[in-house]
Amino acid sequence: MFTGIIEELGIVSELETLPNGARIKISATDVVNGTSEGDSISVNGVCLTALDVSPESFSADVSGETLDKSTIGSLVEGSKVNLERAVTPSTRLGGHIVQGHVDATGEFLGASEEGDFWTVSIGFPTEVGKYLIYKGSISVEGISLTIAKLSRDHFEIAVIPKTWSLTNLSSLKKGDKVNLEVDVIAKYIERIVSYGEKDSSAETITLEKLEKLGFA
């Protein structure tokens, strides 16, 4: 589990194509500190298992499924990636619960500078729209962010200078794909409400149903 608070901006140093996936090597110094072989590291919001850990880098094997469902498959040597180590029992939960399981890819629509701050616009596919709410949490490229404005096909987020400088948001170009992971609590609520229904896809979450289940 992760919190979406990025620790380091790493660089893809090697990328090897394998028969059913790929192996990626990432140059980093902070997240490898205290990391052992087999530990989890979030790479642009994707949970990967650290291999060949050294003081200056780590590697990870990436399955074909992950390559297809996330932006990991579009990385090249020199790409900047957001890195975060998995939480420990003593870690402050500074963001929100991020599993590292990408739900969909969105599209970077652009960013506008307002003083030292930035407003970033992200387009999202229809299937994740039902999980998004104004002022709710969303993971973009593994970064825990708060939705500041929401429409039917895109949302906006306000980015502080620290996040802008520490993550790959500043290097994204219009049209670039980004990894999205919605708040897992929203998915659990949907499952609880729709479980047992003959047609769960037609189920609508209402305030009355949430009150009966103890959520309100």
N, C-alpha and C. Protein backbone atom coordinates (compact mmCIF):
# COMPACT_ATOMS: atom_id res chain seq x y z
N MET A 1 0.84 -1.19 0.00
CA MET A 1 0.00 0.00 0.00
C MET A 1 0.88 1.24 0.00
N PHE A 2 0.37 2.31 -0.63
CA PHE A 2 1.12 3.56 -0.74
C PHE A 2 0.22 4.72 -0.29
N THR A 3 0.81 5.89 -0.19
CA THR A 3 0.04 7.06 0.23
C THR A 3 -0.10 8.09 -0.88
N GLY A 4 0.64 7.93 -1.97
CA GLY A 4 0.58 8.89 -3.05
C GLY A 4 1.44 10.12 -2.82
N ILE A 5 2.32 10.06 -1.82
CA ILE A 5 3.26 11.15 -1.56
C ILE A 5 4.60 10.74 -2.18
N ILE A 6 4.93 11.35 -3.30
CA ILE A 6 6.11 10.95 -4.07
C ILE A 6 7.39 11.28 -3.31
N GLU A 7 8.31 10.31 -3.28
CA GLU A 7 9.57 10.49 -2.56
C GLU A 7 10.71 10.93 -3.46
N GLU A 8 10.64 10.51 -4.73
CA GLU A 8 11.79 10.77 -5.60
C GLU A 8 11.36 10.68 -7.06
N LEU A 9 12.03 11.46 -7.90
CA LEU A 9 11.84 11.39 -9.34
C LEU A 9 12.99 10.58 -9.92
N GLY A 10 12.67 9.36 -10.38
CA GLY A 10 13.69 8.48 -10.92
C GLY A 10 13.80 8.61 -12.44
N ILE A 11 14.81 7.95 -13.01
CA ILE A 11 15.05 7.98 -14.44
C ILE A 11 15.16 6.54 -14.96
N VAL A 12 14.43 6.23 -16.01
CA VAL A 12 14.54 4.91 -16.63
C VAL A 12 15.90 4.83 -17.33
N SER A 13 16.76 3.92 -16.87
CA SER A 13 18.10 3.81 -17.44
C SER A 13 18.22 2.65 -18.43
N GLU A 14 17.41 1.63 -18.25
CA GLU A 14 17.42 0.50 -19.18
C GLU A 14 16.01 -0.05 -19.32
N LEU A 15 15.68 -0.55 -20.50
CA LEU A 15 14.38 -1.16 -20.75
C LEU A 15 14.58 -2.33 -21.69
N GLU A 16 14.32 -3.53 -21.18
CA GLU A 16 14.53 -4.75 -21.96
C GLU A 16 13.19 -5.43 -22.24
N THR A 17 12.91 -5.69 -23.50
CA THR A 17 11.68 -6.38 -23.88
C THR A 17 11.85 -7.88 -23.71
N LEU A 18 10.89 -8.50 -23.02
CA LEU A 18 10.90 -9.94 -22.78
C LEU A 18 9.73 -10.58 -23.53
N PRO A 19 9.73 -11.91 -23.69
CA PRO A 19 8.66 -12.57 -24.45
C PRO A 19 7.25 -12.23 -23.97
N ASN A 20 7.04 -12.15 -22.65
CA ASN A 20 5.70 -11.88 -22.13
C ASN A 20 5.67 -10.66 -21.21
N GLY A 21 6.59 -9.74 -21.43
CA GLY A 21 6.64 -8.56 -20.58
C GLY A 21 7.89 -7.76 -20.83
N ALA A 22 8.44 -7.20 -19.77
CA ALA A 22 9.64 -6.39 -19.91
C ALA A 22 10.36 -6.32 -18.57
N ARG A 23 11.61 -5.94 -18.60
CA ARG A 23 12.37 -5.64 -17.39
C ARG A 23 12.83 -4.20 -17.50
N ILE A 24 12.60 -3.47 -16.44
CA ILE A 24 12.93 -2.05 -16.41
C ILE A 24 13.94 -1.79 -15.30
N LYS A 25 14.92 -0.94 -15.60
CA LYS A 25 15.90 -0.54 -14.60
C LYS A 25 15.76 0.96 -14.39
N ILE A 26 15.69 1.36 -13.13
CA ILE A 26 15.45 2.75 -12.79
C ILE A 26 16.57 3.28 -11.90
N SER A 27 17.14 4.40 -12.31
CA SER A 27 18.17 5.06 -11.49
C SER A 27 17.48 5.85 -10.38
N ALA A 28 17.88 5.61 -9.15
CA ALA A 28 17.29 6.27 -7.98
C ALA A 28 18.25 6.12 -6.81
N THR A 29 18.15 7.02 -5.85
CA THR A 29 19.02 6.94 -4.67
C THR A 29 18.23 6.95 -3.36
N ASP A 30 17.10 7.64 -3.33
CA ASP A 30 16.33 7.75 -2.09
C ASP A 30 15.50 6.50 -1.80
N VAL A 31 14.73 6.04 -2.79
CA VAL A 31 13.81 4.92 -2.53
C VAL A 31 14.53 3.59 -2.37
N VAL A 32 15.78 3.50 -2.81
CA VAL A 32 16.52 2.25 -2.61
C VAL A 32 17.10 2.16 -1.21
N ASN A 33 17.09 3.26 -0.50
CA ASN A 33 17.60 3.27 0.88
C ASN A 33 16.65 2.46 1.77
N GLY A 34 17.14 1.37 2.32
CA GLY A 34 16.33 0.51 3.17
C GLY A 34 15.45 -0.45 2.40
N THR A 35 15.55 -0.46 1.08
CA THR A 35 14.74 -1.36 0.25
C THR A 35 15.49 -2.66 0.01
N SER A 36 14.79 -3.76 0.18
CA SER A 36 15.38 -5.08 -0.03
C SER A 36 14.77 -5.73 -1.27
N GLU A 37 15.43 -6.74 -1.75
CA GLU A 37 14.92 -7.52 -2.87
C GLU A 37 13.52 -8.03 -2.55
N GLY A 38 12.58 -7.77 -3.44
CA GLY A 38 11.20 -8.24 -3.24
C GLY A 38 10.27 -7.21 -2.64
N ASP A 39 10.80 -6.07 -2.19
CA ASP A 39 9.94 -5.01 -1.66
C ASP A 39 9.17 -4.32 -2.79
N SER A 40 8.07 -3.70 -2.44
CA SER A 40 7.24 -3.01 -3.42
C SER A 40 7.62 -1.54 -3.54
N ILE A 41 7.67 -1.07 -4.78
CA ILE A 41 7.89 0.35 -5.07
C ILE A 41 6.86 0.78 -6.11
N SER A 42 6.24 1.92 -5.86
CA SER A 42 5.29 2.47 -6.82
C SER A 42 6.05 3.26 -7.88
N VAL A 43 5.85 2.89 -9.15
CA VAL A 43 6.47 3.56 -10.28
C VAL A 43 5.36 4.18 -11.13
N ASN A 44 5.22 5.49 -11.07
CA ASN A 44 4.12 6.19 -11.75
C ASN A 44 2.76 5.61 -11.34
N GLY A 45 2.68 5.19 -10.08
CA GLY A 45 1.41 4.67 -9.58
C GLY A 45 1.19 3.19 -9.79
N VAL A 46 2.17 2.49 -10.34
CA VAL A 46 2.07 1.05 -10.57
C VAL A 46 2.94 0.33 -9.55
N CYS A 47 2.36 -0.60 -8.83
CA CYS A 47 3.09 -1.35 -7.82
C CYS A 47 3.99 -2.39 -8.50
N LEU A 48 5.30 -2.24 -8.34
CA LEU A 48 6.26 -3.17 -8.92
C LEU A 48 7.15 -3.74 -7.82
N THR A 49 7.72 -4.92 -8.08
CA THR A 49 8.59 -5.58 -7.11
C THR A 49 10.04 -5.27 -7.43
N ALA A 50 10.75 -4.71 -6.45
CA ALA A 50 12.14 -4.30 -6.64
C ALA A 50 13.06 -5.51 -6.74
N LEU A 51 13.92 -5.50 -7.76
CA LEU A 51 14.91 -6.54 -7.97
C LEU A 51 16.28 -5.90 -8.18
N ASP A 52 17.34 -6.65 -7.94
CA ASP A 52 18.71 -6.16 -8.18
C ASP A 52 18.91 -4.77 -7.57
N VAL A 53 18.53 -4.62 -6.32
CA VAL A 53 18.61 -3.33 -5.65
C VAL A 53 20.07 -2.96 -5.36
N SER A 54 20.46 -1.74 -5.76
CA SER A 54 21.80 -1.22 -5.48
C SER A 54 21.65 0.18 -4.90
N PRO A 55 22.73 0.79 -4.44
CA PRO A 55 22.63 2.14 -3.88
C PRO A 55 22.20 3.20 -4.90
N GLU A 56 22.23 2.84 -6.20
CA GLU A 56 21.95 3.83 -7.23
C GLU A 56 20.81 3.43 -8.18
N SER A 57 20.24 2.24 -7.99
CA SER A 57 19.20 1.81 -8.92
C SER A 57 18.48 0.57 -8.41
N PHE A 58 17.39 0.25 -9.08
CA PHE A 58 16.70 -1.04 -8.88
C PHE A 58 16.06 -1.43 -10.21
N SER A 59 15.75 -2.69 -10.31
CA SER A 59 15.08 -3.19 -11.51
C SER A 59 13.74 -3.79 -11.13
N ALA A 60 12.90 -4.04 -12.12
CA ALA A 60 11.60 -4.66 -11.87
C ALA A 60 11.13 -5.35 -13.13
N ASP A 61 10.52 -6.52 -12.97
CA ASP A 61 9.89 -7.21 -14.08
C ASP A 61 8.45 -6.73 -14.22
N VAL A 62 8.03 -6.47 -15.45
CA VAL A 62 6.69 -5.94 -15.71
C VAL A 62 5.95 -6.92 -16.60
N SER A 63 4.77 -7.34 -16.16
CA SER A 63 3.99 -8.30 -16.93
C SER A 63 3.37 -7.65 -18.16
N GLY A 64 2.95 -8.49 -19.11
CA GLY A 64 2.27 -7.99 -20.30
C GLY A 64 0.99 -7.26 -19.96
N GLU A 65 0.28 -7.75 -18.94
CA GLU A 65 -0.96 -7.11 -18.50
C GLU A 65 -0.70 -5.68 -18.03
N THR A 66 0.36 -5.49 -17.24
CA THR A 66 0.69 -4.16 -16.75
C THR A 66 1.12 -3.24 -17.89
N LEU A 67 1.85 -3.77 -18.85
CA LEU A 67 2.27 -2.98 -20.00
C LEU A 67 1.07 -2.50 -20.81
N ASP A 68 0.05 -3.37 -20.90
CA ASP A 68 -1.14 -3.03 -21.68
C ASP A 68 -2.06 -2.05 -20.97
N LYS A 69 -2.17 -2.17 -19.65
CA LYS A 69 -3.15 -1.41 -18.88
C LYS A 69 -2.63 -0.11 -18.29
N SER A 70 -1.34 0.14 -18.37
CA SER A 70 -0.77 1.34 -17.76
C SER A 70 0.17 2.03 -18.73
N THR A 71 0.73 3.15 -18.29
CA THR A 71 1.67 3.88 -19.14
C THR A 71 3.09 3.34 -19.05
N ILE A 72 3.30 2.30 -18.25
CA ILE A 72 4.64 1.71 -18.14
C ILE A 72 5.10 1.24 -19.52
N GLY A 73 4.16 0.78 -20.32
CA GLY A 73 4.50 0.27 -21.65
C GLY A 73 4.98 1.34 -22.61
N SER A 74 4.76 2.60 -22.30
CA SER A 74 5.19 3.68 -23.19
C SER A 74 6.47 4.36 -22.72
N LEU A 75 7.03 3.88 -21.61
CA LEU A 75 8.28 4.47 -21.11
C LEU A 75 9.44 4.14 -22.03
N VAL A 76 10.41 5.03 -22.08
CA VAL A 76 11.62 4.82 -22.85
C VAL A 76 12.82 5.18 -21.97
N GLU A 77 14.00 4.83 -22.40
CA GLU A 77 15.19 5.21 -21.64
C GLU A 77 15.25 6.73 -21.53
N GLY A 78 15.43 7.21 -20.31
CA GLY A 78 15.45 8.64 -20.06
C GLY A 78 14.15 9.19 -19.51
N SER A 79 13.07 8.38 -19.52
CA SER A 79 11.78 8.83 -18.99
C SER A 79 11.90 9.10 -17.49
N LYS A 80 11.22 10.16 -17.03
CA LYS A 80 11.16 10.46 -15.61
C LYS A 80 9.96 9.76 -15.00
N VAL A 81 10.16 9.14 -13.83
CA VAL A 81 9.09 8.38 -13.19
C VAL A 81 8.97 8.75 -11.72
N ASN A 82 7.73 8.79 -11.23
CA ASN A 82 7.46 9.09 -9.83
C ASN A 82 7.64 7.82 -8.99
N LEU A 83 8.38 7.93 -7.90
CA LEU A 83 8.70 6.77 -7.08
C LEU A 83 8.25 6.95 -5.64
N GLU A 84 7.73 5.87 -5.07
CA GLU A 84 7.35 5.86 -3.65
C GLU A 84 7.50 4.45 -3.10
N ARG A 85 8.13 4.34 -1.95
CA ARG A 85 8.21 3.04 -1.28
C ARG A 85 6.89 2.72 -0.59
N ALA A 86 6.62 1.44 -0.39
CA ALA A 86 5.41 1.02 0.31
C ALA A 86 5.43 1.53 1.74
N VAL A 87 4.26 1.76 2.31
CA VAL A 87 4.18 2.29 3.66
C VAL A 87 4.56 1.22 4.68
N THR A 88 4.98 1.68 5.85
CA THR A 88 5.24 0.81 6.99
C THR A 88 4.24 1.15 8.08
N PRO A 89 4.13 0.34 9.14
CA PRO A 89 3.16 0.64 10.21
C PRO A 89 3.36 2.00 10.86
N SER A 90 4.57 2.56 10.75
CA SER A 90 4.84 3.85 11.40
C SER A 90 4.78 5.03 10.43
N THR A 91 4.44 4.76 9.15
CA THR A 91 4.42 5.82 8.15
C THR A 91 3.21 6.72 8.34
N ARG A 92 3.41 8.04 8.22
CA ARG A 92 2.29 8.96 8.23
C ARG A 92 1.52 8.83 6.92
N LEU A 93 0.20 8.70 7.00
CA LEU A 93 -0.63 8.59 5.81
C LEU A 93 -0.95 10.00 5.32
N GLY A 94 0.02 10.58 4.61
CA GLY A 94 -0.10 11.98 4.21
C GLY A 94 -1.05 12.20 3.04
N GLY A 95 -1.29 11.18 2.24
CA GLY A 95 -2.18 11.33 1.10
C GLY A 95 -3.47 10.56 1.31
N HIS A 96 -3.70 9.51 0.51
CA HIS A 96 -4.83 8.62 0.72
C HIS A 96 -4.37 7.20 0.38
N ILE A 97 -5.22 6.22 0.58
CA ILE A 97 -4.84 4.83 0.33
C ILE A 97 -4.69 4.59 -1.17
N VAL A 98 -3.47 4.30 -1.59
CA VAL A 98 -3.17 4.01 -2.99
C VAL A 98 -2.62 2.59 -3.07
N GLN A 99 -3.26 1.74 -3.86
CA GLN A 99 -2.87 0.34 -3.92
C GLN A 99 -1.79 0.06 -4.97
N GLY A 100 -1.66 0.96 -5.94
CA GLY A 100 -0.73 0.69 -7.03
C GLY A 100 -1.35 -0.16 -8.11
N HIS A 101 -2.68 -0.26 -8.11
CA HIS A 101 -3.41 -1.02 -9.11
C HIS A 101 -4.15 -0.04 -10.02
N VAL A 102 -3.60 0.22 -11.18
CA VAL A 102 -4.13 1.24 -12.08
C VAL A 102 -5.50 0.82 -12.62
N ASP A 103 -6.47 1.73 -12.52
CA ASP A 103 -7.83 1.45 -13.01
C ASP A 103 -8.00 1.79 -14.47
N ALA A 104 -7.31 2.82 -14.94
CA ALA A 104 -7.44 3.26 -16.33
C ALA A 104 -6.34 4.27 -16.62
N THR A 105 -6.18 4.59 -17.88
CA THR A 105 -5.28 5.67 -18.25
C THR A 105 -6.11 6.88 -18.66
N GLY A 106 -5.68 8.05 -18.23
CA GLY A 106 -6.32 9.29 -18.62
C GLY A 106 -5.42 10.05 -19.57
N GLU A 107 -5.79 11.28 -19.87
CA GLU A 107 -5.03 12.09 -20.81
C GLU A 107 -4.68 13.45 -20.20
N PHE A 108 -3.43 13.81 -20.29
CA PHE A 108 -2.99 15.12 -19.82
C PHE A 108 -3.45 16.17 -20.83
N LEU A 109 -4.36 17.03 -20.40
CA LEU A 109 -4.94 18.03 -21.30
C LEU A 109 -4.21 19.36 -21.27
N GLY A 110 -3.44 19.59 -20.23
CA GLY A 110 -2.68 20.82 -20.15
C GLY A 110 -2.55 21.33 -18.73
N ALA A 111 -1.73 22.36 -18.56
CA ALA A 111 -1.51 22.96 -17.24
C ALA A 111 -1.34 24.46 -17.40
N SER A 112 -1.91 25.21 -16.48
CA SER A 112 -1.77 26.66 -16.50
C SER A 112 -1.15 27.13 -15.20
N GLU A 113 -0.21 28.06 -15.32
CA GLU A 113 0.51 28.56 -14.16
C GLU A 113 -0.22 29.75 -13.56
N GLU A 114 -0.38 29.73 -12.26
CA GLU A 114 -1.02 30.83 -11.54
C GLU A 114 -0.13 31.19 -10.36
N GLY A 115 0.78 32.14 -10.60
CA GLY A 115 1.77 32.46 -9.59
C GLY A 115 2.76 31.31 -9.48
N ASP A 116 2.95 30.80 -8.27
CA ASP A 116 3.83 29.65 -8.07
C ASP A 116 3.08 28.33 -8.17
N PHE A 117 1.77 28.39 -8.35
CA PHE A 117 0.94 27.19 -8.38
C PHE A 117 0.53 26.86 -9.81
N TRP A 118 0.05 25.62 -9.99
CA TRP A 118 -0.36 25.17 -11.31
C TRP A 118 -1.74 24.53 -11.23
N THR A 119 -2.55 24.74 -12.26
CA THR A 119 -3.83 24.05 -12.40
C THR A 119 -3.69 23.07 -13.55
N VAL A 120 -3.84 21.79 -13.25
CA VAL A 120 -3.64 20.72 -14.23
C VAL A 120 -4.99 20.11 -14.59
N SER A 121 -5.21 19.89 -15.88
CA SER A 121 -6.45 19.31 -16.38
C SER A 121 -6.18 17.91 -16.92
N ILE A 122 -6.98 16.95 -16.45
CA ILE A 122 -6.81 15.55 -16.83
C ILE A 122 -8.13 15.00 -17.38
N GLY A 123 -8.09 14.43 -18.59
CA GLY A 123 -9.27 13.77 -19.14
C GLY A 123 -9.34 12.34 -18.65
N PHE A 124 -10.56 11.84 -18.42
CA PHE A 124 -10.71 10.47 -17.92
C PHE A 124 -11.74 9.71 -18.75
N PRO A 125 -11.59 8.36 -18.84
CA PRO A 125 -12.55 7.55 -19.57
C PRO A 125 -13.85 7.37 -18.79
N THR A 126 -14.91 7.04 -19.49
CA THR A 126 -16.24 6.95 -18.89
C THR A 126 -16.30 6.00 -17.71
N GLU A 127 -15.58 4.87 -17.78
CA GLU A 127 -15.74 3.84 -16.76
C GLU A 127 -15.29 4.25 -15.36
N VAL A 128 -14.46 5.28 -15.24
CA VAL A 128 -14.02 5.69 -13.91
C VAL A 128 -14.76 6.93 -13.41
N GLY A 129 -15.57 7.53 -14.26
CA GLY A 129 -16.26 8.76 -13.89
C GLY A 129 -17.15 8.62 -12.66
N LYS A 130 -17.78 7.46 -12.49
CA LYS A 130 -18.70 7.28 -11.37
C LYS A 130 -17.99 7.25 -10.01
N TYR A 131 -16.67 7.07 -10.01
CA TYR A 131 -15.93 7.02 -8.76
C TYR A 131 -15.35 8.38 -8.35
N LEU A 132 -15.49 9.38 -9.19
CA LEU A 132 -14.88 10.68 -8.93
C LEU A 132 -15.87 11.66 -8.33
N ILE A 133 -15.43 12.41 -7.32
CA ILE A 133 -16.28 13.42 -6.71
C ILE A 133 -15.47 14.69 -6.47
N TYR A 134 -16.15 15.81 -6.45
CA TYR A 134 -15.52 17.09 -6.16
C TYR A 134 -14.90 17.05 -4.75
N LYS A 135 -13.66 17.45 -4.64
CA LYS A 135 -12.88 17.43 -3.40
C LYS A 135 -12.48 16.02 -2.98
N GLY A 136 -12.74 15.03 -3.86
CA GLY A 136 -12.34 13.67 -3.56
C GLY A 136 -10.90 13.41 -3.98
N SER A 137 -10.37 12.26 -3.59
CA SER A 137 -8.99 11.90 -3.89
C SER A 137 -8.88 11.12 -5.19
N ILE A 138 -7.79 11.32 -5.90
CA ILE A 138 -7.48 10.58 -7.12
C ILE A 138 -5.97 10.43 -7.21
N SER A 139 -5.51 9.28 -7.66
CA SER A 139 -4.08 9.07 -7.88
C SER A 139 -3.78 9.26 -9.36
N VAL A 140 -2.91 10.20 -9.67
CA VAL A 140 -2.48 10.45 -11.05
C VAL A 140 -0.98 10.22 -11.12
N GLU A 141 -0.56 9.21 -11.90
CA GLU A 141 0.86 8.86 -11.97
C GLU A 141 1.42 8.55 -10.59
N GLY A 142 0.55 8.01 -9.72
CA GLY A 142 0.98 7.64 -8.38
C GLY A 142 0.96 8.77 -7.38
N ILE A 143 0.51 9.96 -7.80
CA ILE A 143 0.49 11.13 -6.92
C ILE A 143 -0.89 11.28 -6.31
N SER A 144 -0.98 11.40 -5.00
CA SER A 144 -2.25 11.63 -4.33
C SER A 144 -2.66 13.09 -4.54
N LEU A 145 -3.79 13.29 -5.23
CA LEU A 145 -4.24 14.64 -5.56
C LEU A 145 -5.72 14.79 -5.22
N THR A 146 -6.15 16.03 -5.09
CA THR A 146 -7.54 16.34 -4.76
C THR A 146 -8.22 17.00 -5.96
N ILE A 147 -9.39 16.50 -6.31
CA ILE A 147 -10.13 17.05 -7.45
C ILE A 147 -10.70 18.41 -7.07
N ALA A 148 -10.26 19.45 -7.79
CA ALA A 148 -10.70 20.81 -7.50
C ALA A 148 -11.87 21.24 -8.38
N LYS A 149 -12.01 20.59 -9.54
CA LYS A 149 -13.11 20.88 -10.45
C LYS A 149 -13.40 19.63 -11.25
N LEU A 150 -14.67 19.33 -11.45
CA LEU A 150 -15.05 18.06 -12.09
C LEU A 150 -16.13 18.29 -13.13
N SER A 151 -15.91 17.73 -14.32
CA SER A 151 -16.93 17.75 -15.38
C SER A 151 -17.18 16.31 -15.83
N ARG A 152 -17.92 16.13 -16.90
CA ARG A 152 -18.28 14.78 -17.33
C ARG A 152 -17.11 14.01 -17.93
N ASP A 153 -16.09 14.69 -18.42
CA ASP A 153 -15.00 13.97 -19.07
C ASP A 153 -13.60 14.40 -18.64
N HIS A 154 -13.51 15.36 -17.73
CA HIS A 154 -12.19 15.74 -17.24
C HIS A 154 -12.29 16.36 -15.85
N PHE A 155 -11.17 16.41 -15.16
CA PHE A 155 -11.13 17.07 -13.85
C PHE A 155 -9.90 17.95 -13.79
N GLU A 156 -9.92 18.89 -12.84
CA GLU A 156 -8.79 19.77 -12.62
C GLU A 156 -8.25 19.57 -11.22
N ILE A 157 -6.95 19.74 -11.08
CA ILE A 157 -6.31 19.61 -9.79
C ILE A 157 -5.38 20.80 -9.59
N ALA A 158 -5.31 21.29 -8.37
CA ALA A 158 -4.41 22.39 -8.04
C ALA A 158 -3.11 21.77 -7.51
N VAL A 159 -2.01 22.13 -8.12
CA VAL A 159 -0.71 21.53 -7.79
C VAL A 159 0.19 22.57 -7.13
N ILE A 160 0.70 22.23 -5.96
CA ILE A 160 1.60 23.14 -5.24
C ILE A 160 3.00 23.07 -5.85
N PRO A 161 3.83 24.09 -5.63
CA PRO A 161 5.18 24.12 -6.21
C PRO A 161 6.01 22.88 -5.89
N LYS A 162 5.92 22.37 -4.67
CA LYS A 162 6.70 21.20 -4.27
C LYS A 162 6.36 20.00 -5.13
N THR A 163 5.07 19.74 -5.33
CA THR A 163 4.63 18.59 -6.14
C THR A 163 5.03 18.79 -7.59
N TRP A 164 4.92 20.02 -8.09
CA TRP A 164 5.27 20.31 -9.48
C TRP A 164 6.75 20.03 -9.74
N SER A 165 7.60 20.39 -8.80
CA SER A 165 9.04 20.23 -9.00
C SER A 165 9.53 18.81 -8.71
N LEU A 166 8.82 18.08 -7.85
CA LEU A 166 9.28 16.77 -7.40
C LEU A 166 8.77 15.62 -8.26
N THR A 167 7.75 15.86 -9.09
CA THR A 167 7.12 14.79 -9.87
C THR A 167 7.27 15.03 -11.37
N ASN A 168 6.76 14.06 -12.14
CA ASN A 168 6.86 14.18 -13.60
C ASN A 168 5.73 15.00 -14.21
N LEU A 169 4.85 15.59 -13.39
CA LEU A 169 3.78 16.42 -13.94
C LEU A 169 4.35 17.55 -14.80
N SER A 170 5.48 18.11 -14.37
CA SER A 170 6.07 19.25 -15.08
C SER A 170 6.65 18.86 -16.43
N SER A 171 6.85 17.57 -16.67
CA SER A 171 7.44 17.15 -17.94
C SER A 171 6.40 16.57 -18.91
N LEU A 172 5.14 16.50 -18.48
CA LEU A 172 4.10 15.97 -19.35
C LEU A 172 3.75 16.96 -20.45
N LYS A 173 3.37 16.41 -21.60
CA LYS A 173 2.94 17.22 -22.74
C LYS A 173 1.48 16.91 -23.06
N LYS A 174 0.80 17.87 -23.67
CA LYS A 174 -0.60 17.69 -24.00
C LYS A 174 -0.80 16.43 -24.83
N GLY A 175 -1.73 15.59 -24.41
CA GLY A 175 -2.00 14.34 -25.09
C GLY A 175 -1.32 13.14 -24.47
N ASP A 176 -0.37 13.36 -23.56
CA ASP A 176 0.31 12.24 -22.90
C ASP A 176 -0.68 11.45 -22.04
N LYS A 177 -0.50 10.14 -22.00
CA LYS A 177 -1.33 9.29 -21.17
C LYS A 177 -0.80 9.28 -19.73
N VAL A 178 -1.71 9.19 -18.77
CA VAL A 178 -1.33 9.14 -17.36
C VAL A 178 -2.10 8.03 -16.66
N ASN A 179 -1.46 7.41 -15.67
CA ASN A 179 -2.10 6.35 -14.91
C ASN A 179 -3.07 6.93 -13.89
N LEU A 180 -4.28 6.36 -13.83
CA LEU A 180 -5.29 6.79 -12.88
C LEU A 180 -5.68 5.64 -11.96
N GLU A 181 -5.74 5.91 -10.66
CA GLU A 181 -6.30 4.95 -9.70
C GLU A 181 -7.30 5.69 -8.83
N VAL A 182 -8.55 5.24 -8.87
CA VAL A 182 -9.59 5.92 -8.09
C VAL A 182 -9.51 5.48 -6.64
N ASP A 183 -10.21 6.20 -5.79
CA ASP A 183 -10.23 5.90 -4.36
C ASP A 183 -10.87 4.53 -4.15
N VAL A 184 -10.14 3.62 -3.51
CA VAL A 184 -10.64 2.25 -3.32
C VAL A 184 -11.91 2.22 -2.49
N ILE A 185 -12.11 3.22 -1.62
CA ILE A 185 -13.33 3.24 -0.79
C ILE A 185 -14.57 3.36 -1.68
N ALA A 186 -14.47 4.16 -2.75
CA ALA A 186 -15.60 4.31 -3.66
C ALA A 186 -15.94 2.98 -4.33
N LYS A 187 -14.92 2.20 -4.65
CA LYS A 187 -15.18 0.90 -5.29
C LYS A 187 -15.80 -0.09 -4.32
N TYR A 188 -15.39 -0.04 -3.06
CA TYR A 188 -15.99 -0.92 -2.05
C TYR A 188 -17.46 -0.57 -1.84
N ILE A 189 -17.77 0.72 -1.79
CA ILE A 189 -19.16 1.14 -1.60
C ILE A 189 -20.02 0.64 -2.77
N GLU A 190 -19.51 0.78 -3.98
CA GLU A 190 -20.26 0.31 -5.15
C GLU A 190 -20.52 -1.20 -5.04
N ARG A 191 -19.51 -1.95 -4.64
CA ARG A 191 -19.65 -3.41 -4.54
C ARG A 191 -20.66 -3.80 -3.47
N ILE A 192 -20.62 -3.11 -2.32
CA ILE A 192 -21.56 -3.41 -1.24
C ILE A 192 -22.99 -3.15 -1.68
N VAL A 193 -23.20 -2.03 -2.34
CA VAL A 193 -24.54 -1.64 -2.76
C VAL A 193 -25.08 -2.56 -3.84
N SER A 194 -24.22 -2.96 -4.79
CA SER A 194 -24.70 -3.71 -5.95
C SER A 194 -24.64 -5.23 -5.76
N TYR A 195 -23.95 -5.71 -4.73
CA TYR A 195 -23.79 -7.16 -4.58
C TYR A 195 -25.13 -7.87 -4.43
N GLY A 196 -25.30 -8.93 -5.19
CA GLY A 196 -26.53 -9.72 -5.12
C GLY A 196 -27.61 -9.27 -6.06
N GLU A 197 -27.44 -8.11 -6.68
CA GLU A 197 -28.43 -7.65 -7.63
C GLU A 197 -28.29 -8.44 -8.93
N LYS A 198 -29.41 -8.68 -9.60
CA LYS A 198 -29.39 -9.42 -10.86
C LYS A 198 -28.62 -8.66 -11.92
N ASP A 199 -28.76 -7.35 -11.96
CA ASP A 199 -28.06 -6.53 -12.94
C ASP A 199 -27.33 -5.43 -12.19
N SER A 200 -26.11 -5.76 -11.72
CA SER A 200 -25.37 -4.80 -10.90
C SER A 200 -24.96 -3.58 -11.69
N SER A 201 -24.84 -3.72 -13.03
CA SER A 201 -24.41 -2.59 -13.84
C SER A 201 -25.46 -1.50 -13.87
N ALA A 202 -26.72 -1.87 -13.57
CA ALA A 202 -27.79 -0.89 -13.60
C ALA A 202 -28.06 -0.30 -12.22
N GLU A 203 -27.31 -0.77 -11.22
CA GLU A 203 -27.53 -0.33 -9.85
C GLU A 203 -27.11 1.13 -9.68
N THR A 204 -27.91 1.90 -9.00
CA THR A 204 -27.61 3.29 -8.73
C THR A 204 -27.42 3.49 -7.23
N ILE A 205 -26.33 4.14 -6.86
CA ILE A 205 -26.07 4.42 -5.46
C ILE A 205 -26.89 5.64 -5.05
N THR A 206 -27.72 5.48 -4.02
CA THR A 206 -28.55 6.58 -3.54
C THR A 206 -28.21 6.87 -2.09
N LEU A 207 -28.61 8.06 -1.62
CA LEU A 207 -28.37 8.44 -0.23
C LEU A 207 -29.11 7.49 0.71
N GLU A 208 -30.30 7.08 0.31
CA GLU A 208 -31.10 6.17 1.15
C GLU A 208 -30.39 4.84 1.35
N LYS A 209 -29.80 4.30 0.26
CA LYS A 209 -29.10 3.02 0.36
C LYS A 209 -27.84 3.15 1.23
N LEU A 210 -27.14 4.26 1.08
CA LEU A 210 -25.95 4.47 1.89
C LEU A 210 -26.29 4.60 3.37
N GLU A 211 -27.42 5.27 3.68
CA GLU A 211 -27.84 5.43 5.07
C GLU A 211 -28.17 4.08 5.68
N LYS A 212 -28.82 3.19 4.91
CA LYS A 212 -29.17 1.86 5.40
C LYS A 212 -27.93 1.04 5.70
N LEU A 213 -26.85 1.31 4.92
CA LEU A 213 -25.62 0.56 5.10
C LEU A 213 -24.69 1.20 6.12
N GLY A 214 -25.12 2.32 6.68
CA GLY A 214 -24.36 2.97 7.74
C GLY A 214 -23.31 3.94 7.28
N PHE A 215 -23.37 4.37 6.00
CA PHE A 215 -22.38 5.30 5.49
C PHE A 215 -22.76 6.76 5.69
N ALA A 216 -23.97 7.03 6.12
CA ALA A 216 -24.40 8.42 6.30
C ALA A 216 -25.18 8.56 7.60
